[in-house]
Amino acid sequence: MRSLAASKIRELYNEGLGRRDVLGFWVGEPDEPTPQFIRQAATESIAAGELFYTHNLGIAPLRDALAAYTTRLHRPTTNEQIAVTSAGVNALMLASQLLVDPGDRVVEVVPLWPNLQEIPKILGAEVLTVALEFSAQGWTLDMGRLLAALTPGTRALYLNSPNNPTGWTISRAEQKTLLEHCRRHGIWIFADDAYERLYFGGGVAPSFLELMDDDDRVISTNTFSKAWLMTGWRLGWLVVPPSLVADLGKLIEYNTSCTPVFVQRAGIAAVTQGEPVIAHTLERLRRARDFLVAELRKLPKIEVALPSGTMYVFFRIDGMADSLAFCKELVRRHGLGLAPGAAFGPAGEGYVRWCFAAEPEKLADGVSRLRRAL
């Protein structure tokens, strides 16, 4: 445990605790509250007394709703392939506990959300990384390097797309190449699909679920946090081969037992009635993204690409060698909270992440503070 890297985002966040003058763009969280109809579903459940233990894998109405949702978006799916979890990060941990043993070799595409980098290490796995390549035109994946890293005997590929922090999104052709390679060598694909609905390319981001066969070694993890503005609810789910569900039920029992029923009722409301919420959020984020990127491109020393998904801009600052120190100075001297690129692994050093899920006025104020700092 002591060898794990502590979250540099959390370290930076603590710098600003108690300061009302800080503009915080460091946490990956929309600034709008959960819609009322979702909250109402939860309060009605509490009022009805649904406050007891329930099925490890989730209540049947939510599993049915998620199966229908996945079927509509991607491929025919039954509730026997769905497991409800206490947050998306819990889904990633459970899937990893299910399949990753000490000494296993896993490969990850980076820069990457720190939680996803540390989870396999908690389980004693060896983590090999393949870095995306940056240019002002966008982030790209060197497929040859990734395939070379996915050698026979590799246990799993962890891939987050659209990617936190870069906004890079894998193409369907790249997914097909990877799926065929991993199928040939028996490598599991852990697809972190948290941002699949926050995709600016039209529709839903490309998904392995649409390409896979029923018996392929593919696990999709997802969350209610981003698309439905439910970060604090801690609700997620897994789509897995049916043969894994019974074992997942055991793992959930020994981790959290079950997800609270009233939280799951909120999830049902979100997934069955929440398409207008997603449409509103996506359009709002698109406007914020375009505004922020245009403003950042006016500043000296900054190179920035237009992200194709998520709620983040991950930009390079020329001459910055220590992103954590730089971001601490931004907080202390200018009241601006951005996430250091180093928080996303060595491949992120020299960059800064800005969560643009905010109003234009707030973004403009943040740009002014960054301009003064530079």
Protein backbone atom coordinates (compact mmCIF):
# COMPACT_ATOMS: atom_id res chain seq x y z
CA MET A 1 0.00 0.00 0.00
CA ARG A 2 2.82 2.40 0.80
CA SER A 3 4.20 2.03 -2.70
CA LEU A 4 0.98 3.37 -4.23
CA ALA A 5 1.10 6.92 -5.58
CA ALA A 6 -1.09 9.27 -3.55
CA SER A 7 -3.47 11.41 -5.57
CA LYS A 8 -1.78 14.64 -6.61
CA ILE A 9 -5.20 16.09 -7.37
CA ARG A 10 -6.22 15.52 -3.78
CA GLU A 11 -2.93 16.97 -2.56
CA LEU A 12 -3.55 20.09 -4.60
CA TYR A 13 -7.21 20.28 -3.57
CA ASN A 14 -6.12 20.37 0.05
CA GLU A 15 -4.07 23.49 -0.74
CA GLY A 16 -7.26 25.39 -1.40
CA LEU A 17 -9.38 24.13 1.50
CA GLY A 18 -11.06 26.98 3.34
CA ARG A 19 -10.32 29.57 0.64
CA ARG A 20 -13.42 31.13 -0.89
CA ASP A 21 -11.42 33.02 -3.50
CA VAL A 22 -10.25 29.89 -5.33
CA LEU A 23 -11.76 29.05 -8.72
CA GLY A 24 -11.68 25.26 -8.79
CA PHE A 25 -11.41 23.45 -12.11
CA TRP A 26 -9.36 20.56 -10.73
CA VAL A 27 -12.07 17.96 -9.97
CA GLY A 28 -13.86 16.01 -12.72
CA GLU A 29 -17.35 17.09 -11.78
CA PRO A 30 -20.15 19.05 -13.46
CA ASP A 31 -21.09 22.21 -11.58
CA GLU A 32 -24.85 21.61 -11.95
CA PRO A 33 -26.79 19.63 -9.30
CA THR A 34 -28.56 16.36 -10.00
CA PRO A 35 -31.92 17.04 -11.73
CA GLN A 36 -34.97 17.17 -9.49
CA PHE A 37 -36.77 14.15 -10.99
CA ILE A 38 -33.79 11.93 -10.14
CA ARG A 39 -33.61 13.27 -6.58
CA GLN A 40 -37.37 12.82 -6.25
CA ALA A 41 -37.13 9.13 -7.11
CA ALA A 42 -34.64 8.66 -4.28
CA THR A 43 -36.64 10.59 -1.68
CA GLU A 44 -39.80 8.70 -2.58
CA SER A 45 -37.91 5.45 -2.09
CA ILE A 46 -36.72 6.59 1.33
CA ALA A 47 -40.24 7.67 2.26
CA ALA A 48 -41.50 4.23 1.22
CA GLY A 49 -39.07 2.60 3.64
CA GLU A 50 -36.74 1.01 1.10
CA LEU A 51 -33.84 1.12 3.52
CA PHE A 52 -32.81 -2.51 3.85
CA TYR A 53 -30.31 -4.86 2.24
CA THR A 54 -31.06 -5.99 -1.28
CA HIS A 55 -29.66 -8.27 -3.99
CA ASN A 56 -25.87 -8.16 -4.39
CA LEU A 57 -26.12 -7.54 -8.13
CA GLY A 58 -28.72 -4.79 -7.89
CA ILE A 59 -32.50 -4.61 -7.87
CA ALA A 60 -34.16 -6.22 -10.88
CA PRO A 61 -35.81 -3.02 -12.23
CA LEU A 62 -32.45 -1.24 -12.48
CA ARG A 63 -30.69 -4.24 -14.03
CA ASP A 64 -33.54 -4.51 -16.54
CA ALA A 65 -33.31 -0.79 -17.31
CA LEU A 66 -29.54 -0.95 -17.80
CA ALA A 67 -29.86 -4.02 -20.04
CA ALA A 68 -32.42 -2.17 -22.19
CA TYR A 69 -30.20 0.93 -22.25
CA THR A 70 -27.15 -1.09 -23.35
CA THR A 71 -29.23 -2.90 -25.96
CA ARG A 72 -30.44 0.41 -27.38
CA LEU A 73 -26.97 1.95 -27.49
CA HIS A 74 -24.76 -1.01 -28.38
CA ARG A 75 -25.85 -4.66 -28.59
CA PRO A 76 -28.51 -7.07 -27.31
CA THR A 77 -27.92 -7.39 -23.56
CA THR A 78 -29.81 -9.20 -20.80
CA ASN A 79 -29.97 -8.39 -17.11
CA GLU A 80 -27.87 -11.52 -16.53
CA GLN A 81 -24.92 -9.54 -17.93
CA ILE A 82 -25.44 -6.54 -15.61
CA ALA A 83 -24.02 -5.95 -12.15
CA VAL A 84 -24.85 -2.75 -10.26
CA THR A 85 -21.97 -1.31 -8.23
CA SER A 86 -21.32 1.42 -5.69
CA ALA A 87 -19.74 3.83 -8.23
CA GLY A 88 -17.82 3.39 -11.46
CA VAL A 89 -14.50 3.14 -9.63
CA ASN A 90 -15.98 0.31 -7.56
CA ALA A 91 -16.92 -1.41 -10.83
CA LEU A 92 -13.30 -1.18 -11.98
CA MET A 93 -12.02 -2.55 -8.68
CA LEU A 94 -14.49 -5.44 -8.66
CA ALA A 95 -13.69 -6.45 -12.23
CA SER A 96 -9.99 -6.29 -11.46
CA GLN A 97 -10.38 -8.37 -8.28
CA LEU A 98 -12.29 -10.90 -10.35
CA LEU A 99 -9.60 -11.42 -12.98
CA VAL A 100 -6.21 -9.99 -11.95
CA ASP A 101 -3.79 -11.94 -9.75
CA PRO A 102 -0.46 -10.93 -8.16
CA GLY A 103 2.26 -11.01 -10.79
CA ASP A 104 -0.11 -10.64 -13.72
CA ARG A 105 0.94 -8.27 -16.48
CA VAL A 106 -1.52 -5.60 -17.55
CA VAL A 107 -1.19 -2.81 -20.12
CA GLU A 108 -2.70 0.67 -19.89
CA VAL A 109 -2.94 3.55 -22.35
CA VAL A 110 -1.77 6.76 -20.64
CA PRO A 111 -2.05 9.56 -19.54
CA LEU A 112 -4.82 8.10 -17.45
CA TRP A 113 -7.03 8.77 -14.47
CA PRO A 114 -4.87 7.90 -11.42
CA ASN A 115 -7.40 5.53 -9.84
CA LEU A 116 -7.31 3.28 -12.86
CA GLN A 117 -3.50 3.20 -12.82
CA GLU A 118 -3.29 2.19 -9.16
CA ILE A 119 -6.07 -0.44 -9.00
CA PRO A 120 -4.03 -3.23 -10.66
CA LYS A 121 -1.07 -2.35 -8.42
CA ILE A 122 -3.23 -2.84 -5.33
CA LEU A 123 -3.77 -6.40 -6.56
CA GLY A 124 -0.05 -6.98 -7.11
CA ALA A 125 -0.07 -6.73 -10.90
CA GLU A 126 2.75 -5.40 -13.06
CA VAL A 127 1.54 -2.34 -15.01
CA LEU A 128 3.06 -1.49 -18.39
CA THR A 129 2.03 1.79 -20.00
CA VAL A 130 1.82 2.97 -23.61
CA ALA A 131 1.60 6.75 -23.99
CA LEU A 132 -0.64 8.66 -26.36
CA GLU A 133 1.17 11.15 -28.58
CA PHE A 134 0.33 14.86 -28.51
CA SER A 135 0.14 17.49 -31.21
CA ALA A 136 -1.90 20.66 -31.53
CA GLN A 137 -4.10 18.71 -33.98
CA GLY A 138 -5.02 16.16 -31.32
CA TRP A 139 -3.90 13.14 -29.33
CA THR A 140 -3.16 9.94 -31.23
CA LEU A 141 -2.46 6.30 -30.41
CA ASP A 142 0.57 4.51 -31.84
CA MET A 143 -1.17 1.22 -32.54
CA GLY A 144 2.07 -0.56 -33.40
CA ARG A 145 3.54 0.23 -29.98
CA LEU A 146 0.38 -0.88 -28.19
CA LEU A 147 0.14 -4.17 -30.07
CA ALA A 148 3.82 -4.84 -29.37
CA ALA A 149 3.12 -4.35 -25.65
CA LEU A 150 0.16 -6.75 -25.70
CA THR A 151 2.29 -9.87 -25.74
CA PRO A 152 1.03 -13.43 -25.19
CA GLY A 153 0.52 -13.94 -21.48
CA THR A 154 -0.67 -10.39 -20.86
CA ARG A 155 -3.71 -10.59 -18.61
CA ALA A 156 -5.60 -7.41 -19.52
CA LEU A 157 -5.67 -4.16 -21.43
CA TYR A 158 -7.16 -1.21 -19.51
CA LEU A 159 -8.47 1.44 -21.89
CA ASN A 160 -10.45 4.58 -21.04
CA SER A 161 -12.12 6.22 -24.05
CA PRO A 162 -13.10 9.02 -24.26
CA ASN A 163 -10.01 9.48 -22.17
CA ASN A 164 -9.56 11.30 -18.89
CA PRO A 165 -7.52 13.55 -19.01
CA THR A 166 -6.78 14.08 -22.72
CA GLY A 167 -10.23 13.83 -24.31
CA TRP A 168 -8.79 11.39 -26.89
CA THR A 169 -11.32 8.90 -28.26
CA ILE A 170 -10.39 5.60 -29.89
CA SER A 171 -11.73 4.98 -33.39
CA ARG A 172 -13.86 2.00 -34.32
CA ALA A 173 -11.11 0.75 -36.66
CA GLU A 174 -8.59 0.88 -33.81
CA GLN A 175 -11.01 -0.97 -31.56
CA LYS A 176 -11.45 -3.69 -34.14
CA THR A 177 -7.68 -4.15 -34.47
CA LEU A 178 -7.27 -4.36 -30.70
CA LEU A 179 -10.19 -6.73 -30.22
CA GLU A 180 -8.86 -9.14 -32.85
CA HIS A 181 -5.37 -9.03 -31.30
CA CYS A 182 -6.62 -9.56 -27.75
CA ARG A 183 -8.98 -12.31 -28.86
CA ARG A 184 -6.06 -14.11 -30.54
CA HIS A 185 -3.92 -13.99 -27.37
CA GLY A 186 -6.66 -14.44 -24.74
CA ILE A 187 -6.21 -10.93 -23.30
CA TRP A 188 -9.10 -9.34 -21.39
CA ILE A 189 -10.20 -5.83 -22.39
CA PHE A 190 -11.31 -3.59 -19.51
CA ALA A 191 -13.21 -0.78 -21.24
CA ASP A 192 -13.76 2.20 -18.96
CA ASP A 193 -16.77 3.79 -20.69
CA ALA A 194 -17.51 6.52 -18.14
CA TYR A 195 -17.54 9.27 -20.77
CA GLU A 196 -19.15 7.45 -23.70
CA ARG A 197 -22.14 9.84 -23.68
CA LEU A 198 -19.93 12.95 -23.37
CA TYR A 199 -18.64 12.57 -26.91
CA PHE A 200 -18.57 15.48 -29.36
CA GLY A 201 -18.26 13.36 -32.51
CA GLY A 202 -21.99 12.71 -32.78
CA GLY A 203 -23.96 9.99 -31.00
CA VAL A 204 -22.23 7.64 -28.58
CA ALA A 205 -18.46 7.11 -28.53
CA PRO A 206 -17.21 3.94 -30.27
CA SER A 207 -17.63 0.94 -27.98
CA PHE A 208 -16.11 -2.54 -27.86
CA LEU A 209 -19.61 -3.77 -27.00
CA GLU A 210 -20.70 -3.13 -30.57
CA LEU A 211 -17.87 -5.22 -32.07
CA MET A 212 -17.54 -8.13 -29.68
CA ASP A 213 -18.92 -11.65 -29.85
CA ASP A 214 -20.84 -13.04 -26.89
CA ASP A 215 -17.86 -15.06 -25.65
CA ASP A 216 -15.20 -12.35 -26.07
CA ARG A 217 -13.15 -11.35 -23.04
CA VAL A 218 -14.57 -7.82 -22.78
CA ILE A 219 -15.79 -6.03 -19.65
CA SER A 220 -17.42 -2.61 -19.83
CA THR A 221 -17.50 -0.44 -16.72
CA ASN A 222 -19.70 2.62 -16.47
CA THR A 223 -21.04 5.24 -14.08
CA PHE A 224 -24.02 7.51 -13.53
CA SER A 225 -21.72 10.30 -12.32
CA LYS A 226 -20.92 12.25 -15.47
CA ALA A 227 -23.75 11.93 -17.99
CA TRP A 228 -26.56 12.29 -15.43
CA LEU A 229 -24.84 14.74 -13.04
CA MET A 230 -24.73 12.20 -10.18
CA THR A 231 -21.14 12.26 -8.92
CA GLY A 232 -22.05 12.15 -5.23
CA TRP A 233 -24.53 9.29 -5.56
CA ARG A 234 -21.80 6.68 -6.12
CA LEU A 235 -23.61 4.46 -8.59
CA GLY A 236 -22.12 2.46 -11.45
CA TRP A 237 -22.49 -0.77 -13.35
CA LEU A 238 -20.68 -3.53 -15.22
CA VAL A 239 -21.53 -5.31 -18.46
CA VAL A 240 -19.81 -8.71 -18.38
CA PRO A 241 -20.03 -12.17 -19.96
CA PRO A 242 -22.86 -14.09 -18.20
CA SER A 243 -20.38 -16.65 -16.86
CA LEU A 244 -18.82 -13.99 -14.58
CA VAL A 245 -21.95 -12.65 -12.90
CA ALA A 246 -22.24 -15.23 -10.11
CA ASP A 247 -18.64 -14.64 -9.06
CA LEU A 248 -19.20 -10.88 -9.21
CA GLY A 249 -22.09 -11.33 -6.81
CA LYS A 250 -19.73 -12.95 -4.31
CA LEU A 251 -17.22 -10.13 -4.67
CA ILE A 252 -19.88 -7.47 -4.17
CA GLU A 253 -21.05 -9.30 -1.04
CA TYR A 254 -17.55 -9.16 0.42
CA ASN A 255 -16.90 -5.55 -0.65
CA THR A 256 -20.08 -3.53 -0.14
CA SER A 257 -22.87 -6.18 0.17
CA CYS A 258 -25.17 -4.13 -2.08
CA THR A 259 -25.91 -0.66 -3.37
CA PRO A 260 -28.59 1.27 -1.40
CA VAL A 261 -32.07 0.78 -2.89
CA PHE A 262 -32.94 4.49 -2.90
CA VAL A 263 -29.77 5.25 -4.88
CA GLN A 264 -30.75 2.56 -7.38
CA ARG A 265 -34.25 4.07 -7.68
CA ALA A 266 -32.57 7.35 -8.63
CA GLY A 267 -30.59 5.40 -11.21
CA ILE A 268 -33.76 3.97 -12.76
CA ALA A 269 -35.16 7.49 -13.15
CA ALA A 270 -31.92 8.65 -14.75
CA VAL A 271 -31.54 5.83 -17.25
CA THR A 272 -35.21 5.74 -18.28
CA GLN A 273 -36.02 9.47 -18.32
CA GLY A 274 -32.63 11.15 -18.52
CA GLU A 275 -31.89 11.56 -22.24
CA PRO A 276 -32.80 15.29 -22.13
CA VAL A 277 -30.30 15.69 -19.27
CA ILE A 278 -27.54 14.13 -21.37
CA ALA A 279 -28.42 16.27 -24.40
CA HIS A 280 -28.39 19.44 -22.29
CA THR A 281 -25.10 18.53 -20.62
CA LEU A 282 -23.39 17.62 -23.89
CA GLU A 283 -24.40 20.85 -25.62
CA ARG A 284 -23.36 22.90 -22.59
CA LEU A 285 -20.00 21.16 -22.47
CA ARG A 286 -19.48 21.63 -26.21
CA ARG A 287 -19.95 25.41 -25.87
CA ALA A 288 -17.65 25.53 -22.84
CA ARG A 289 -14.99 23.44 -24.60
CA ASP A 290 -14.99 25.63 -27.69
CA PHE A 291 -14.80 28.82 -25.63
CA LEU A 292 -12.00 27.61 -23.37
CA VAL A 293 -9.84 26.18 -26.16
CA ALA A 294 -10.17 29.40 -28.16
CA GLU A 295 -9.16 31.48 -25.13
CA LEU A 296 -6.23 29.23 -24.22
CA ARG A 297 -4.88 29.44 -27.76
CA LYS A 298 -4.50 33.18 -27.28
CA LEU A 299 -2.09 32.71 -24.37
CA PRO A 300 1.70 32.45 -24.73
CA LYS A 301 3.53 29.20 -23.99
CA ILE A 302 0.37 27.07 -24.32
CA GLU A 303 -0.28 24.25 -26.80
CA VAL A 304 -3.77 22.79 -26.73
CA ALA A 305 -5.75 20.31 -28.81
CA LEU A 306 -9.53 20.20 -29.11
CA PRO A 307 -10.76 17.20 -27.08
CA SER A 308 -13.22 14.90 -28.85
CA GLY A 309 -14.88 13.83 -25.60
CA THR A 310 -15.07 14.20 -21.78
CA MET A 311 -15.18 17.51 -19.89
CA TYR A 312 -11.43 18.20 -19.87
CA VAL A 313 -8.80 20.13 -21.76
CA PHE A 314 -5.29 18.76 -21.24
CA PHE A 315 -2.82 21.36 -22.45
CA ARG A 316 0.95 21.72 -22.53
CA ILE A 317 2.79 24.69 -21.02
CA ASP A 318 6.17 25.33 -22.60
CA GLY A 319 9.00 25.35 -20.08
CA MET A 320 7.00 23.87 -17.18
CA ALA A 321 8.97 20.98 -15.68
CA ASP A 322 7.01 20.41 -12.44
CA SER A 323 3.25 20.57 -12.96
CA LEU A 324 2.41 19.95 -9.30
CA ALA A 325 4.60 22.84 -8.12
CA PHE A 326 3.19 25.05 -10.87
CA CYS A 327 -0.41 24.25 -9.93
CA LYS A 328 0.30 24.86 -6.25
CA GLU A 329 1.59 28.31 -7.15
CA LEU A 330 -1.56 28.92 -9.19
CA VAL A 331 -3.64 28.23 -6.09
CA ARG A 332 -1.48 30.17 -3.65
CA ARG A 333 -0.85 33.27 -5.71
CA HIS A 334 -3.74 33.45 -8.17
CA GLY A 335 -6.61 31.45 -6.64
CA LEU A 336 -6.83 29.15 -9.66
CA GLY A 337 -7.32 25.42 -9.18
CA LEU A 338 -6.17 23.20 -12.06
CA ALA A 339 -5.08 19.55 -11.96
CA PRO A 340 -1.35 18.84 -12.50
CA GLY A 341 -0.51 16.61 -15.43
CA ALA A 342 1.78 14.55 -13.21
CA ALA A 343 -1.33 13.27 -11.43
CA PHE A 344 -2.01 11.19 -14.55
CA GLY A 345 1.36 9.48 -14.60
CA PRO A 346 4.81 10.41 -15.97
CA ALA A 347 3.36 10.80 -19.47
CA GLY A 348 1.27 13.69 -18.15
CA GLU A 349 4.16 15.78 -16.84
CA GLY A 350 4.39 19.13 -18.58
CA TYR A 351 0.61 19.33 -18.97
CA VAL A 352 -2.30 20.68 -16.95
CA ARG A 353 -5.92 19.46 -16.90
CA TRP A 354 -8.80 21.92 -16.84
CA CYS A 355 -12.35 20.66 -16.18
CA PHE A 356 -14.55 22.94 -18.28
CA ALA A 357 -17.94 21.89 -16.85
CA ALA A 358 -18.63 25.47 -15.79
CA GLU A 359 -20.28 28.68 -16.94
CA PRO A 360 -18.40 30.85 -19.49
CA GLU A 361 -18.02 33.72 -17.02
CA LYS A 362 -16.22 31.48 -14.58
CA LEU A 363 -14.04 30.03 -17.35
CA ALA A 364 -13.16 33.55 -18.54
CA ASP A 365 -12.14 34.55 -15.01
CA GLY A 366 -9.95 31.46 -14.82
CA VAL A 367 -8.26 32.29 -18.14
CA SER A 368 -7.53 35.81 -16.87
CA ARG A 369 -5.87 34.39 -13.76
CA LEU A 370 -3.83 31.94 -15.83
CA ARG A 371 -2.75 34.78 -18.15
CA ARG A 372 -1.46 36.76 -15.15
CA ALA A 373 0.36 33.69 -13.83
CA LEU A 374 2.08 33.03 -17.14
